C-alpha cells in the first residue's frame, strides 16, 4: 500500500505555491509505501532510528523472517538477546520488548491512536520509550496516513526546502510559514520536498552545501 493522495491535494498545493507546482510537474506521481498496522509500524520506526534506510530494511527483513508476523505476542515471546541478534542495539531491543508487553497488558492500545487528533496522537506515542516527536510524526504520516504532517525536525525536509526556495538555513519560523502555506495537505507536500532532497531534480542544489564550500 502507498500513501494516498490525489487531484484535490495536488491542485491545492500547485495553486498555493508556484515553485512547488514546478516540482510536482517535474517529479510526477510519488509512490511512497505505507504500513497500515500501527504496532509493526512503531517497531519498524524504532528499528530505523539513527541508521540508514538500507540497514533498516535489512534488519526488518530479518525480524519478519525470524518472527513471521511482527506482533506483540511474537515480540513478547522473543528474548531481548534474540532481538538484538537481528542487528539492533540492546536499547532498541528493550524499547521494542517493553512496547509489546504494554500492548499485551492493555496499557497501550494501538487502535486508540487512530481516533485521536494529530497532537493527541503525538503526545501519546511519545510516552513510549524510544519514540520522539519526529518518529511519532512519521508514524502518523506513513501508517495512519494523516494528511497534514510537516516535520520541522526532519533534516531531509529542511534540505528540500533549502533546495526549492534557495534558503541558506531553515529556521523554525520559516518552516512554520511553509507549514501554514501547505496546510491542510502538508503530508503530500512533504513527499515532494523529500523527493527533491533525495535528488529527484538534479539541477536543484543545496545552498547550504555551496556556502560551506566557499568558507
N, C-alpha and C. Protein backbone atom coordinates (compact mmCIF):
# COMPACT_ATOMS: atom_id res chain seq x y z
N UNK A 1 0.84 -1.19 0.00
CA UNK A 1 0.00 0.00 0.00
C UNK A 1 0.88 1.25 0.00
N UNK A 2 0.41 2.27 -0.71
CA UNK A 2 1.15 3.53 -0.78
C UNK A 2 0.36 4.65 -0.11
N UNK A 3 1.10 5.70 0.29
CA UNK A 3 0.43 6.87 0.85
C UNK A 3 -0.53 7.42 -0.20
N UNK A 4 -1.77 7.64 0.22
CA UNK A 4 -2.81 8.02 -0.73
C UNK A 4 -2.97 9.54 -0.82
N UNK A 5 -2.91 10.04 -2.04
CA UNK A 5 -3.26 11.43 -2.30
C UNK A 5 -3.75 11.52 -3.74
N UNK A 6 -4.41 12.61 -4.06
CA UNK A 6 -5.00 12.69 -5.40
C UNK A 6 -5.04 14.10 -5.94
N UNK A 7 -5.98 14.33 -6.85
CA UNK A 7 -6.07 15.61 -7.55
C UNK A 7 -6.36 16.77 -6.61
N UNK A 8 -7.16 16.56 -5.58
CA UNK A 8 -7.51 17.65 -4.67
C UNK A 8 -6.26 18.21 -3.99
N UNK A 9 -5.41 17.31 -3.50
CA UNK A 9 -4.18 17.74 -2.83
C UNK A 9 -3.24 18.44 -3.82
N UNK A 10 -3.07 17.85 -5.00
CA UNK A 10 -2.15 18.40 -5.99
C UNK A 10 -2.62 19.78 -6.46
N UNK A 11 -3.88 19.91 -6.79
CA UNK A 11 -4.41 21.19 -7.27
C UNK A 11 -4.26 22.27 -6.21
N UNK A 12 -4.55 21.92 -4.97
CA UNK A 12 -4.44 22.90 -3.88
C UNK A 12 -2.99 23.37 -3.74
N UNK A 13 -2.06 22.47 -3.68
CA UNK A 13 -0.65 22.82 -3.48
C UNK A 13 -0.11 23.63 -4.64
N UNK A 14 -0.47 23.26 -5.86
CA UNK A 14 0.02 23.99 -7.02
C UNK A 14 -0.52 25.42 -7.06
N UNK A 15 -1.74 25.60 -6.60
CA UNK A 15 -2.31 26.95 -6.54
C UNK A 15 -1.65 27.79 -5.44
N UNK A 16 -1.24 27.11 -4.37
CA UNK A 16 -0.68 27.83 -3.22
C UNK A 16 0.77 28.22 -3.42
N UNK A 17 1.50 27.48 -4.28
CA UNK A 17 2.94 27.72 -4.36
C UNK A 17 3.46 27.38 -5.76
N UNK A 18 3.95 28.40 -6.46
CA UNK A 18 4.39 28.21 -7.84
C UNK A 18 5.63 27.32 -7.93
N UNK A 19 6.56 27.48 -7.00
CA UNK A 19 7.78 26.67 -7.07
C UNK A 19 7.47 25.20 -6.78
N UNK A 20 6.60 24.95 -5.80
CA UNK A 20 6.22 23.57 -5.52
C UNK A 20 5.45 22.99 -6.71
N UNK A 21 4.68 23.83 -7.40
CA UNK A 21 3.96 23.37 -8.58
C UNK A 21 4.94 22.86 -9.63
N UNK A 22 6.06 23.57 -9.82
CA UNK A 22 7.07 23.13 -10.78
C UNK A 22 7.69 21.80 -10.36
N UNK A 23 7.91 21.65 -9.05
CA UNK A 23 8.45 20.40 -8.54
C UNK A 23 7.48 19.25 -8.80
N UNK A 24 6.22 19.48 -8.52
CA UNK A 24 5.20 18.44 -8.70
C UNK A 24 5.13 18.02 -10.17
N UNK A 25 5.15 18.99 -11.08
CA UNK A 25 5.10 18.67 -12.51
C UNK A 25 6.34 17.91 -12.95
N UNK A 26 7.49 18.27 -12.40
CA UNK A 26 8.74 17.62 -12.78
C UNK A 26 8.85 16.20 -12.24
N UNK A 27 8.46 16.02 -10.99
CA UNK A 27 8.62 14.71 -10.33
C UNK A 27 7.53 13.73 -10.72
N UNK A 28 6.31 14.24 -10.87
CA UNK A 28 5.19 13.35 -11.18
C UNK A 28 4.66 12.64 -9.94
N UNK A 29 3.90 11.61 -10.18
CA UNK A 29 3.28 10.87 -9.08
C UNK A 29 4.33 10.19 -8.22
N UNK A 30 4.17 10.27 -6.89
CA UNK A 30 5.09 9.62 -5.95
C UNK A 30 4.39 8.45 -5.29
N UNK A 31 5.05 7.31 -5.30
CA UNK A 31 4.51 6.12 -4.64
C UNK A 31 5.39 5.82 -3.43
N UNK A 32 4.93 6.22 -2.28
CA UNK A 32 5.68 6.02 -1.03
C UNK A 32 4.94 4.99 -0.19
N UNK A 33 5.62 3.92 0.15
CA UNK A 33 4.97 2.81 0.85
C UNK A 33 4.47 3.24 2.22
N UNK A 34 3.31 2.72 2.58
CA UNK A 34 2.72 2.97 3.89
C UNK A 34 2.48 1.64 4.58
N UNK A 35 2.52 1.65 5.90
CA UNK A 35 2.29 0.45 6.71
C UNK A 35 1.07 0.70 7.56
N UNK A 36 -0.02 0.00 7.28
CA UNK A 36 -1.29 0.29 7.95
C UNK A 36 -1.41 -0.36 9.32
N UNK A 37 -0.46 -1.23 9.68
CA UNK A 37 -0.51 -1.87 11.00
C UNK A 37 0.30 -1.03 11.99
N UNK A 38 -0.37 -0.43 12.96
CA UNK A 38 0.30 0.53 13.84
C UNK A 38 1.36 -0.14 14.70
N UNK A 39 1.11 -1.34 15.21
CA UNK A 39 2.10 -2.00 16.05
C UNK A 39 3.40 -2.22 15.28
N UNK A 40 3.30 -2.84 14.11
CA UNK A 40 4.52 -3.12 13.34
C UNK A 40 5.17 -1.84 12.85
N UNK A 41 4.37 -0.81 12.59
CA UNK A 41 4.92 0.47 12.16
C UNK A 41 5.78 1.10 13.25
N UNK A 42 5.30 1.02 14.50
CA UNK A 42 6.08 1.56 15.61
C UNK A 42 7.39 0.80 15.76
N UNK A 43 7.33 -0.52 15.70
CA UNK A 43 8.54 -1.34 15.80
C UNK A 43 9.50 -0.99 14.67
N UNK A 44 8.96 -0.87 13.47
CA UNK A 44 9.76 -0.55 12.29
C UNK A 44 10.49 0.78 12.46
N UNK A 45 9.78 1.77 12.99
CA UNK A 45 10.39 3.09 13.16
C UNK A 45 11.41 3.12 14.30
N UNK A 46 11.19 2.35 15.33
CA UNK A 46 12.21 2.26 16.39
C UNK A 46 13.49 1.64 15.83
N UNK A 47 13.33 0.60 15.03
CA UNK A 47 14.49 -0.04 14.41
C UNK A 47 15.28 0.96 13.56
N UNK A 48 14.54 1.81 12.83
CA UNK A 48 15.17 2.68 11.85
C UNK A 48 15.84 3.92 12.39
N UNK A 49 15.73 4.17 13.69
CA UNK A 49 16.31 5.38 14.24
C UNK A 49 17.84 5.37 14.17
N UNK A 50 18.39 6.44 13.60
CA UNK A 50 19.83 6.68 13.55
C UNK A 50 20.61 5.62 12.76
N UNK A 51 19.94 4.95 11.83
CA UNK A 51 20.64 4.04 10.92
C UNK A 51 20.15 4.33 9.50
N UNK A 52 20.84 3.82 8.52
CA UNK A 52 20.46 4.08 7.14
C UNK A 52 19.19 3.32 6.78
N UNK A 53 18.54 3.79 5.71
CA UNK A 53 17.34 3.12 5.22
C UNK A 53 17.64 1.68 4.82
N UNK A 54 18.82 1.47 4.22
CA UNK A 54 19.22 0.13 3.79
C UNK A 54 19.39 -0.79 4.99
N UNK A 55 20.03 -0.29 6.05
CA UNK A 55 20.22 -1.10 7.26
C UNK A 55 18.88 -1.42 7.91
N UNK A 56 17.99 -0.42 7.93
CA UNK A 56 16.66 -0.64 8.49
C UNK A 56 15.93 -1.75 7.73
N UNK A 57 15.99 -1.70 6.41
CA UNK A 57 15.30 -2.71 5.59
C UNK A 57 15.88 -4.10 5.84
N UNK A 58 17.20 -4.19 6.01
CA UNK A 58 17.85 -5.48 6.26
C UNK A 58 17.40 -6.07 7.58
N UNK A 59 17.40 -5.24 8.63
CA UNK A 59 17.01 -5.72 9.96
C UNK A 59 15.53 -6.08 9.98
N UNK A 60 14.73 -5.27 9.32
CA UNK A 60 13.28 -5.52 9.28
C UNK A 60 12.99 -6.86 8.60
N UNK A 61 13.71 -7.15 7.52
CA UNK A 61 13.53 -8.43 6.82
C UNK A 61 13.93 -9.58 7.73
N UNK A 62 15.03 -9.42 8.47
CA UNK A 62 15.46 -10.47 9.41
C UNK A 62 14.38 -10.72 10.47
N UNK A 63 13.80 -9.62 10.96
CA UNK A 63 12.78 -9.76 12.00
C UNK A 63 11.56 -10.48 11.44
N UNK A 64 11.14 -10.13 10.25
CA UNK A 64 9.99 -10.80 9.64
C UNK A 64 10.28 -12.28 9.40
N UNK A 65 11.49 -12.58 8.94
CA UNK A 65 11.86 -13.97 8.70
C UNK A 65 11.92 -14.77 10.01
N UNK A 66 12.41 -14.13 11.07
CA UNK A 66 12.57 -14.81 12.35
C UNK A 66 11.22 -14.99 13.07
N UNK A 67 10.40 -13.94 13.06
CA UNK A 67 9.16 -13.97 13.84
C UNK A 67 7.94 -14.37 13.02
N UNK A 68 8.04 -14.25 11.71
CA UNK A 68 6.87 -14.47 10.88
C UNK A 68 6.03 -13.21 10.88
N UNK A 69 5.10 -13.10 11.79
CA UNK A 69 4.28 -11.91 11.95
C UNK A 69 4.87 -11.05 13.06
N UNK A 70 5.13 -9.77 12.76
CA UNK A 70 5.67 -8.87 13.79
C UNK A 70 4.51 -8.37 14.64
N UNK A 71 4.16 -9.18 15.62
CA UNK A 71 3.03 -8.89 16.51
C UNK A 71 3.52 -8.73 17.94
N UNK A 72 2.66 -8.18 18.78
CA UNK A 72 3.01 -8.00 20.19
C UNK A 72 3.33 -9.35 20.84
N UNK A 73 2.55 -10.36 20.50
CA UNK A 73 2.74 -11.68 21.10
C UNK A 73 4.08 -12.29 20.70
N UNK A 74 4.42 -12.18 19.43
CA UNK A 74 5.68 -12.77 18.96
C UNK A 74 6.89 -12.01 19.48
N UNK A 75 6.77 -10.70 19.59
CA UNK A 75 7.86 -9.90 20.16
C UNK A 75 8.04 -10.25 21.63
N UNK A 76 6.93 -10.38 22.35
CA UNK A 76 6.99 -10.67 23.79
C UNK A 76 7.64 -12.02 24.06
N UNK A 77 7.42 -12.97 23.17
CA UNK A 77 7.98 -14.31 23.36
C UNK A 77 9.48 -14.35 23.07
N UNK A 78 9.95 -13.42 22.28
CA UNK A 78 11.39 -13.38 21.94
C UNK A 78 12.17 -12.71 23.06
N UNK A 79 13.35 -13.23 23.35
CA UNK A 79 14.21 -12.60 24.36
C UNK A 79 14.85 -11.34 23.76
N UNK A 80 15.31 -10.45 24.65
CA UNK A 80 15.99 -9.25 24.17
C UNK A 80 17.26 -9.63 23.42
N UNK A 81 17.92 -10.71 23.85
CA UNK A 81 19.12 -11.17 23.18
C UNK A 81 18.79 -11.65 21.77
N UNK A 82 17.65 -12.34 21.65
CA UNK A 82 17.20 -12.80 20.34
C UNK A 82 16.95 -11.63 19.41
N UNK A 83 16.28 -10.61 19.93
CA UNK A 83 16.01 -9.41 19.13
C UNK A 83 17.31 -8.70 18.75
N UNK A 84 18.21 -8.64 19.70
CA UNK A 84 19.48 -7.96 19.48
C UNK A 84 20.30 -8.67 18.39
N UNK A 85 20.16 -9.98 18.31
CA UNK A 85 20.92 -10.75 17.32
C UNK A 85 20.50 -10.43 15.89
N UNK A 86 19.37 -9.74 15.74
CA UNK A 86 18.92 -9.34 14.41
C UNK A 86 19.72 -8.16 13.88
N UNK A 87 20.46 -7.50 14.77
CA UNK A 87 21.28 -6.37 14.35
C UNK A 87 20.90 -5.05 14.97
N UNK A 88 20.04 -5.09 15.98
CA UNK A 88 19.64 -3.85 16.66
C UNK A 88 20.37 -3.74 17.99
N UNK A 89 20.42 -2.54 18.51
CA UNK A 89 21.11 -2.31 19.77
C UNK A 89 20.32 -2.90 20.93
N UNK A 90 21.00 -3.07 22.06
CA UNK A 90 20.33 -3.58 23.26
C UNK A 90 19.20 -2.64 23.67
N UNK A 91 19.45 -1.33 23.56
CA UNK A 91 18.42 -0.37 23.97
C UNK A 91 17.19 -0.45 23.10
N UNK A 92 17.38 -0.57 21.79
CA UNK A 92 16.23 -0.71 20.89
C UNK A 92 15.47 -2.00 21.16
N UNK A 93 16.20 -3.07 21.43
CA UNK A 93 15.56 -4.34 21.76
C UNK A 93 14.71 -4.19 23.01
N UNK A 94 15.23 -3.46 23.99
CA UNK A 94 14.49 -3.21 25.23
C UNK A 94 13.24 -2.38 24.95
N UNK A 95 13.36 -1.33 24.14
CA UNK A 95 12.21 -0.48 23.81
C UNK A 95 11.10 -1.30 23.15
N UNK A 96 11.50 -2.14 22.19
CA UNK A 96 10.52 -2.93 21.44
C UNK A 96 9.84 -3.94 22.35
N UNK A 97 10.62 -4.57 23.21
CA UNK A 97 10.08 -5.57 24.14
C UNK A 97 9.09 -4.93 25.11
N UNK A 98 9.47 -3.81 25.70
CA UNK A 98 8.60 -3.10 26.65
C UNK A 98 7.32 -2.67 25.96
N UNK A 99 7.44 -2.18 24.74
CA UNK A 99 6.25 -1.76 23.98
C UNK A 99 5.30 -2.94 23.78
N UNK A 100 5.83 -4.08 23.37
CA UNK A 100 4.98 -5.26 23.15
C UNK A 100 4.27 -5.67 24.44
N UNK A 101 4.98 -5.65 25.54
CA UNK A 101 4.38 -6.04 26.83
C UNK A 101 3.29 -5.05 27.25
N UNK A 102 3.48 -3.76 26.94
CA UNK A 102 2.46 -2.76 27.26
C UNK A 102 1.18 -3.02 26.45
N UNK A 103 1.35 -3.39 25.20
CA UNK A 103 0.19 -3.69 24.36
C UNK A 103 -0.56 -4.91 24.89
N UNK A 104 0.17 -5.96 25.23
CA UNK A 104 -0.45 -7.18 25.74
C UNK A 104 -1.17 -6.92 27.07
N UNK A 105 -0.57 -6.07 27.90
CA UNK A 105 -1.16 -5.76 29.21
C UNK A 105 -2.33 -4.78 29.12
N UNK A 106 -2.55 -4.24 27.94
CA UNK A 106 -3.63 -3.27 27.78
C UNK A 106 -3.27 -1.86 28.22
N UNK A 107 -1.98 -1.64 28.47
CA UNK A 107 -1.54 -0.30 28.89
C UNK A 107 -1.40 0.65 27.70
N UNK A 108 -1.30 0.09 26.52
CA UNK A 108 -1.23 0.89 25.30
C UNK A 108 -2.08 0.19 24.25
N UNK A 109 -3.06 0.92 23.72
CA UNK A 109 -3.95 0.33 22.71
C UNK A 109 -3.71 1.02 21.37
N UNK A 110 -3.08 0.35 20.42
CA UNK A 110 -2.82 0.97 19.12
C UNK A 110 -4.07 1.51 18.43
N UNK A 111 -5.20 0.80 18.58
CA UNK A 111 -6.42 1.25 17.91
C UNK A 111 -6.88 2.61 18.40
N UNK A 112 -6.54 2.95 19.64
CA UNK A 112 -6.97 4.24 20.18
C UNK A 112 -6.30 5.41 19.47
N UNK A 113 -5.07 5.19 18.99
CA UNK A 113 -4.31 6.26 18.36
C UNK A 113 -5.03 6.80 17.13
N UNK A 114 -5.66 5.91 16.37
CA UNK A 114 -6.33 6.33 15.15
C UNK A 114 -7.53 7.24 15.41
N UNK A 115 -8.03 7.24 16.64
CA UNK A 115 -9.18 8.06 17.00
C UNK A 115 -8.78 9.43 17.54
N UNK A 116 -7.49 9.64 17.75
CA UNK A 116 -7.00 10.88 18.35
C UNK A 116 -6.66 11.93 17.30
N UNK A 117 -6.64 13.18 17.70
CA UNK A 117 -6.14 14.25 16.84
C UNK A 117 -4.64 14.06 16.65
N UNK A 118 -4.05 14.78 15.70
CA UNK A 118 -2.61 14.68 15.47
C UNK A 118 -1.84 14.98 16.75
N UNK A 119 -2.18 16.08 17.41
CA UNK A 119 -1.48 16.47 18.63
C UNK A 119 -1.61 15.45 19.73
N UNK A 120 -2.82 14.93 19.92
CA UNK A 120 -3.05 13.93 20.96
C UNK A 120 -2.28 12.65 20.65
N UNK A 121 -2.29 12.25 19.38
CA UNK A 121 -1.60 11.02 18.98
C UNK A 121 -0.10 11.14 19.18
N UNK A 122 0.47 12.29 18.82
CA UNK A 122 1.91 12.50 19.01
C UNK A 122 2.25 12.46 20.49
N UNK A 123 1.43 13.09 21.32
CA UNK A 123 1.67 13.08 22.77
C UNK A 123 1.64 11.67 23.31
N UNK A 124 0.65 10.88 22.88
CA UNK A 124 0.52 9.50 23.36
C UNK A 124 1.68 8.64 22.89
N UNK A 125 2.07 8.77 21.63
CA UNK A 125 3.16 7.97 21.08
C UNK A 125 4.49 8.29 21.75
N UNK A 126 4.72 9.56 22.05
CA UNK A 126 6.00 9.95 22.66
C UNK A 126 6.09 9.55 24.13
N UNK A 127 5.02 9.03 24.69
CA UNK A 127 5.10 8.46 26.03
C UNK A 127 5.79 7.10 26.02
N UNK A 128 5.90 6.50 24.83
CA UNK A 128 6.60 5.22 24.70
C UNK A 128 8.10 5.46 24.66
N UNK A 129 8.86 4.60 25.32
CA UNK A 129 10.31 4.71 25.27
C UNK A 129 10.79 4.46 23.84
N UNK A 130 11.68 5.33 23.38
CA UNK A 130 12.23 5.17 22.04
C UNK A 130 11.47 5.92 20.96
N UNK A 131 10.37 6.58 21.33
CA UNK A 131 9.59 7.34 20.36
C UNK A 131 9.67 8.82 20.69
N UNK A 132 10.30 9.58 19.79
CA UNK A 132 10.34 11.03 19.93
C UNK A 132 9.32 11.68 19.01
N UNK A 133 9.30 13.00 18.98
CA UNK A 133 8.31 13.72 18.18
C UNK A 133 8.45 13.38 16.70
N UNK A 134 9.70 13.38 16.18
CA UNK A 134 9.89 13.09 14.75
C UNK A 134 9.37 11.70 14.40
N UNK A 135 9.70 10.72 15.22
CA UNK A 135 9.25 9.35 14.95
C UNK A 135 7.73 9.27 14.98
N UNK A 136 7.12 9.95 15.95
CA UNK A 136 5.66 9.97 16.04
C UNK A 136 5.05 10.60 14.79
N UNK A 137 5.65 11.67 14.32
CA UNK A 137 5.15 12.32 13.10
C UNK A 137 5.22 11.39 11.90
N UNK A 138 6.33 10.65 11.78
CA UNK A 138 6.47 9.72 10.66
C UNK A 138 5.45 8.58 10.76
N UNK A 139 5.15 8.14 11.96
CA UNK A 139 4.13 7.10 12.15
C UNK A 139 2.76 7.62 11.73
N UNK A 140 2.45 8.85 12.11
CA UNK A 140 1.18 9.44 11.71
C UNK A 140 1.06 9.56 10.20
N UNK A 141 2.18 9.91 9.56
CA UNK A 141 2.14 10.10 8.11
C UNK A 141 2.09 8.76 7.37
N UNK A 142 3.01 7.87 7.69
CA UNK A 142 3.17 6.67 6.88
C UNK A 142 2.37 5.46 7.36
N UNK A 143 1.79 5.54 8.54
CA UNK A 143 0.92 4.45 9.00
C UNK A 143 -0.53 4.91 8.99
N UNK A 144 -0.82 5.99 9.71
CA UNK A 144 -2.19 6.46 9.80
C UNK A 144 -2.59 7.32 8.61
N UNK A 145 -1.62 7.68 7.77
CA UNK A 145 -1.85 8.49 6.58
C UNK A 145 -2.58 9.79 6.90
N UNK A 146 -2.13 10.44 7.97
CA UNK A 146 -2.69 11.75 8.29
C UNK A 146 -2.27 12.75 7.21
N UNK A 147 -3.17 13.61 6.75
CA UNK A 147 -2.89 14.44 5.58
C UNK A 147 -2.07 15.70 5.83
N UNK A 148 -1.88 16.08 7.11
CA UNK A 148 -1.32 17.41 7.37
C UNK A 148 -0.10 17.36 8.29
N UNK A 149 0.84 16.47 8.00
CA UNK A 149 2.05 16.34 8.82
C UNK A 149 3.22 17.02 8.12
N UNK A 150 3.90 17.89 8.87
CA UNK A 150 5.05 18.62 8.33
C UNK A 150 6.07 18.72 9.45
N UNK A 151 7.18 18.00 9.32
CA UNK A 151 8.11 17.84 10.43
C UNK A 151 9.28 18.81 10.32
N UNK A 152 9.34 19.75 11.24
CA UNK A 152 10.48 20.67 11.29
C UNK A 152 11.77 19.92 11.62
N UNK A 153 11.68 18.86 12.42
CA UNK A 153 12.86 18.13 12.85
C UNK A 153 13.46 17.25 11.75
N UNK A 154 12.74 17.06 10.67
CA UNK A 154 13.22 16.18 9.61
C UNK A 154 14.28 16.89 8.78
N UNK A 155 15.51 16.38 8.80
CA UNK A 155 16.62 17.04 8.13
C UNK A 155 16.46 17.04 6.61
N UNK A 156 15.82 16.01 6.06
CA UNK A 156 15.59 15.96 4.62
C UNK A 156 14.55 17.00 4.20
N UNK A 157 13.56 17.22 5.04
CA UNK A 157 12.59 18.29 4.76
C UNK A 157 13.31 19.63 4.75
N UNK A 158 14.18 19.86 5.72
CA UNK A 158 14.93 21.12 5.76
C UNK A 158 15.79 21.27 4.50
N UNK A 159 16.46 20.19 4.11
CA UNK A 159 17.30 20.24 2.92
C UNK A 159 16.47 20.51 1.66
N UNK A 160 15.34 19.83 1.53
CA UNK A 160 14.48 20.04 0.38
C UNK A 160 13.95 21.46 0.29
N UNK A 161 13.58 22.02 1.42
CA UNK A 161 13.11 23.42 1.44
C UNK A 161 14.23 24.37 1.01
N UNK A 162 15.44 24.12 1.49
CA UNK A 162 16.57 24.96 1.06
C UNK A 162 16.76 24.88 -0.45
N UNK A 163 16.64 23.68 -0.99
CA UNK A 163 16.89 23.48 -2.41
C UNK A 163 15.80 24.11 -3.28
N UNK A 164 14.56 24.00 -2.85
CA UNK A 164 13.45 24.54 -3.65
C UNK A 164 13.39 26.06 -3.57
N UNK A 165 13.62 26.59 -2.36
CA UNK A 165 13.39 28.03 -2.14
C UNK A 165 14.68 28.82 -1.95
N UNK A 166 15.83 28.17 -2.12
CA UNK A 166 17.14 28.83 -2.09
C UNK A 166 17.43 29.51 -0.74
N UNK A 167 17.09 28.83 0.32
CA UNK A 167 17.41 29.33 1.66
C UNK A 167 18.76 28.77 2.10
N UNK A 168 19.50 29.56 2.87
CA UNK A 168 20.75 29.06 3.44
C UNK A 168 20.49 28.19 4.66
N UNK A 169 19.41 28.47 5.36
CA UNK A 169 19.05 27.69 6.56
C UNK A 169 17.54 27.76 6.74
N UNK A 170 17.00 26.75 7.39
CA UNK A 170 15.56 26.71 7.67
C UNK A 170 15.36 26.86 9.17
N UNK A 171 14.86 28.00 9.57
CA UNK A 171 14.54 28.22 10.97
C UNK A 171 13.16 27.65 11.27
N UNK A 172 12.85 27.55 12.55
CA UNK A 172 11.52 27.07 12.91
C UNK A 172 10.44 28.01 12.38
N UNK A 173 10.70 29.31 12.42
CA UNK A 173 9.73 30.29 11.93
C UNK A 173 9.50 30.14 10.43
N UNK A 174 10.58 29.89 9.69
CA UNK A 174 10.46 29.70 8.25
C UNK A 174 9.72 28.41 7.93
N UNK A 175 10.02 27.37 8.66
CA UNK A 175 9.32 26.10 8.49
C UNK A 175 7.83 26.27 8.76
N UNK A 176 7.50 27.03 9.78
CA UNK A 176 6.10 27.27 10.12
C UNK A 176 5.39 28.03 9.00
N UNK A 177 6.09 28.95 8.34
CA UNK A 177 5.50 29.68 7.23
C UNK A 177 5.08 28.72 6.11
N UNK A 178 5.97 27.78 5.80
CA UNK A 178 5.64 26.81 4.76
C UNK A 178 4.55 25.84 5.23
N UNK A 179 4.61 25.48 6.49
CA UNK A 179 3.56 24.59 7.01
C UNK A 179 2.19 25.22 6.83
N UNK A 180 2.06 26.49 7.17
CA UNK A 180 0.77 27.18 7.01
C UNK A 180 0.38 27.26 5.53
N UNK A 181 1.36 27.45 4.67
CA UNK A 181 1.07 27.57 3.24
C UNK A 181 0.54 26.25 2.68
N UNK A 182 1.14 25.14 3.09
CA UNK A 182 0.78 23.84 2.53
C UNK A 182 -0.43 23.20 3.21
N UNK A 183 -0.75 23.61 4.42
CA UNK A 183 -1.86 23.02 5.16
C UNK A 183 -3.18 23.27 4.41
N UNK A 184 -4.08 22.31 4.36
CA UNK A 184 -4.16 21.05 5.13
C UNK A 184 -3.56 19.83 4.44
N UNK A 185 -2.66 20.04 3.47
CA UNK A 185 -2.09 18.92 2.74
C UNK A 185 -0.57 18.88 2.87
N UNK A 186 -0.10 19.11 4.09
CA UNK A 186 1.35 19.11 4.33
C UNK A 186 2.00 17.76 4.05
N UNK A 187 1.29 16.69 4.26
CA UNK A 187 1.88 15.36 4.05
C UNK A 187 2.23 15.15 2.58
N UNK A 188 1.34 15.55 1.69
CA UNK A 188 1.63 15.42 0.26
C UNK A 188 2.78 16.35 -0.13
N UNK A 189 2.78 17.57 0.39
CA UNK A 189 3.90 18.48 0.13
C UNK A 189 5.21 17.85 0.61
N UNK A 190 5.18 17.20 1.75
CA UNK A 190 6.39 16.57 2.30
C UNK A 190 6.94 15.52 1.35
N UNK A 191 6.08 14.76 0.70
CA UNK A 191 6.55 13.74 -0.24
C UNK A 191 7.40 14.37 -1.34
N UNK A 192 6.95 15.51 -1.85
CA UNK A 192 7.68 16.16 -2.94
C UNK A 192 8.96 16.84 -2.44
N UNK A 193 8.91 17.39 -1.25
CA UNK A 193 10.11 18.00 -0.67
C UNK A 193 11.17 16.92 -0.41
N UNK A 194 10.74 15.76 0.09
CA UNK A 194 11.67 14.63 0.28
C UNK A 194 12.27 14.20 -1.05
N UNK A 195 11.44 14.17 -2.09
CA UNK A 195 11.93 13.76 -3.40
C UNK A 195 13.04 14.69 -3.89
N UNK A 196 12.84 15.99 -3.71
CA UNK A 196 13.87 16.96 -4.11
C UNK A 196 15.14 16.74 -3.29
N UNK A 197 14.98 16.56 -1.98
CA UNK A 197 16.14 16.33 -1.10
C UNK A 197 16.91 15.09 -1.51
N UNK A 198 16.21 14.11 -2.06
CA UNK A 198 16.84 12.86 -2.49
C UNK A 198 17.44 12.90 -3.88
N UNK A 199 17.35 14.08 -4.56
CA UNK A 199 17.97 14.22 -5.86
C UNK A 199 17.07 13.99 -7.05
N UNK A 200 15.76 14.07 -6.85
CA UNK A 200 14.82 13.81 -7.95
C UNK A 200 14.94 14.84 -9.06
N UNK A 201 15.39 16.05 -8.73
CA UNK A 201 15.60 17.10 -9.73
C UNK A 201 17.07 17.50 -9.65
N UNK A 202 17.93 16.89 -10.45
CA UNK A 202 19.39 17.04 -10.30
C UNK A 202 19.89 18.49 -10.33
N UNK A 203 19.19 19.36 -11.06
CA UNK A 203 19.67 20.74 -11.16
C UNK A 203 19.42 21.54 -9.89
N UNK A 204 18.62 21.02 -8.99
CA UNK A 204 18.38 21.71 -7.73
C UNK A 204 19.48 21.34 -6.74
N UNK A 205 20.21 22.34 -6.27
CA UNK A 205 21.32 22.13 -5.36
C UNK A 205 21.01 22.74 -3.99
N UNK A 206 21.73 22.28 -2.99
CA UNK A 206 21.54 22.76 -1.62
C UNK A 206 22.43 23.97 -1.38
N UNK A 207 21.86 25.16 -1.19
CA UNK A 207 22.67 26.35 -0.94
C UNK A 207 23.56 26.23 0.28
N UNK A 208 23.15 25.47 1.27
CA UNK A 208 23.96 25.32 2.49
C UNK A 208 25.27 24.63 2.18
N UNK A 209 25.26 23.67 1.27
CA UNK A 209 26.50 22.97 0.90
C UNK A 209 27.42 23.90 0.13
N UNK A 210 26.86 24.65 -0.80
CA UNK A 210 27.67 25.59 -1.59
C UNK A 210 28.30 26.64 -0.69
N UNK A 211 27.54 27.14 0.27
CA UNK A 211 28.05 28.15 1.18
C UNK A 211 29.20 27.62 2.05
N UNK A 212 29.05 26.35 2.48
CA UNK A 212 30.10 25.74 3.30
C UNK A 212 31.38 25.57 2.50
N UNK A 213 31.28 25.27 1.22
CA UNK A 213 32.46 25.06 0.37
C UNK A 213 33.22 26.37 0.16
N UNK A 214 32.52 27.50 0.22
CA UNK A 214 33.16 28.78 -0.01
C UNK A 214 33.95 29.27 1.21
N UNK A 215 33.63 28.68 2.37
CA UNK A 215 34.28 29.14 3.61
C UNK A 215 35.70 28.63 3.71
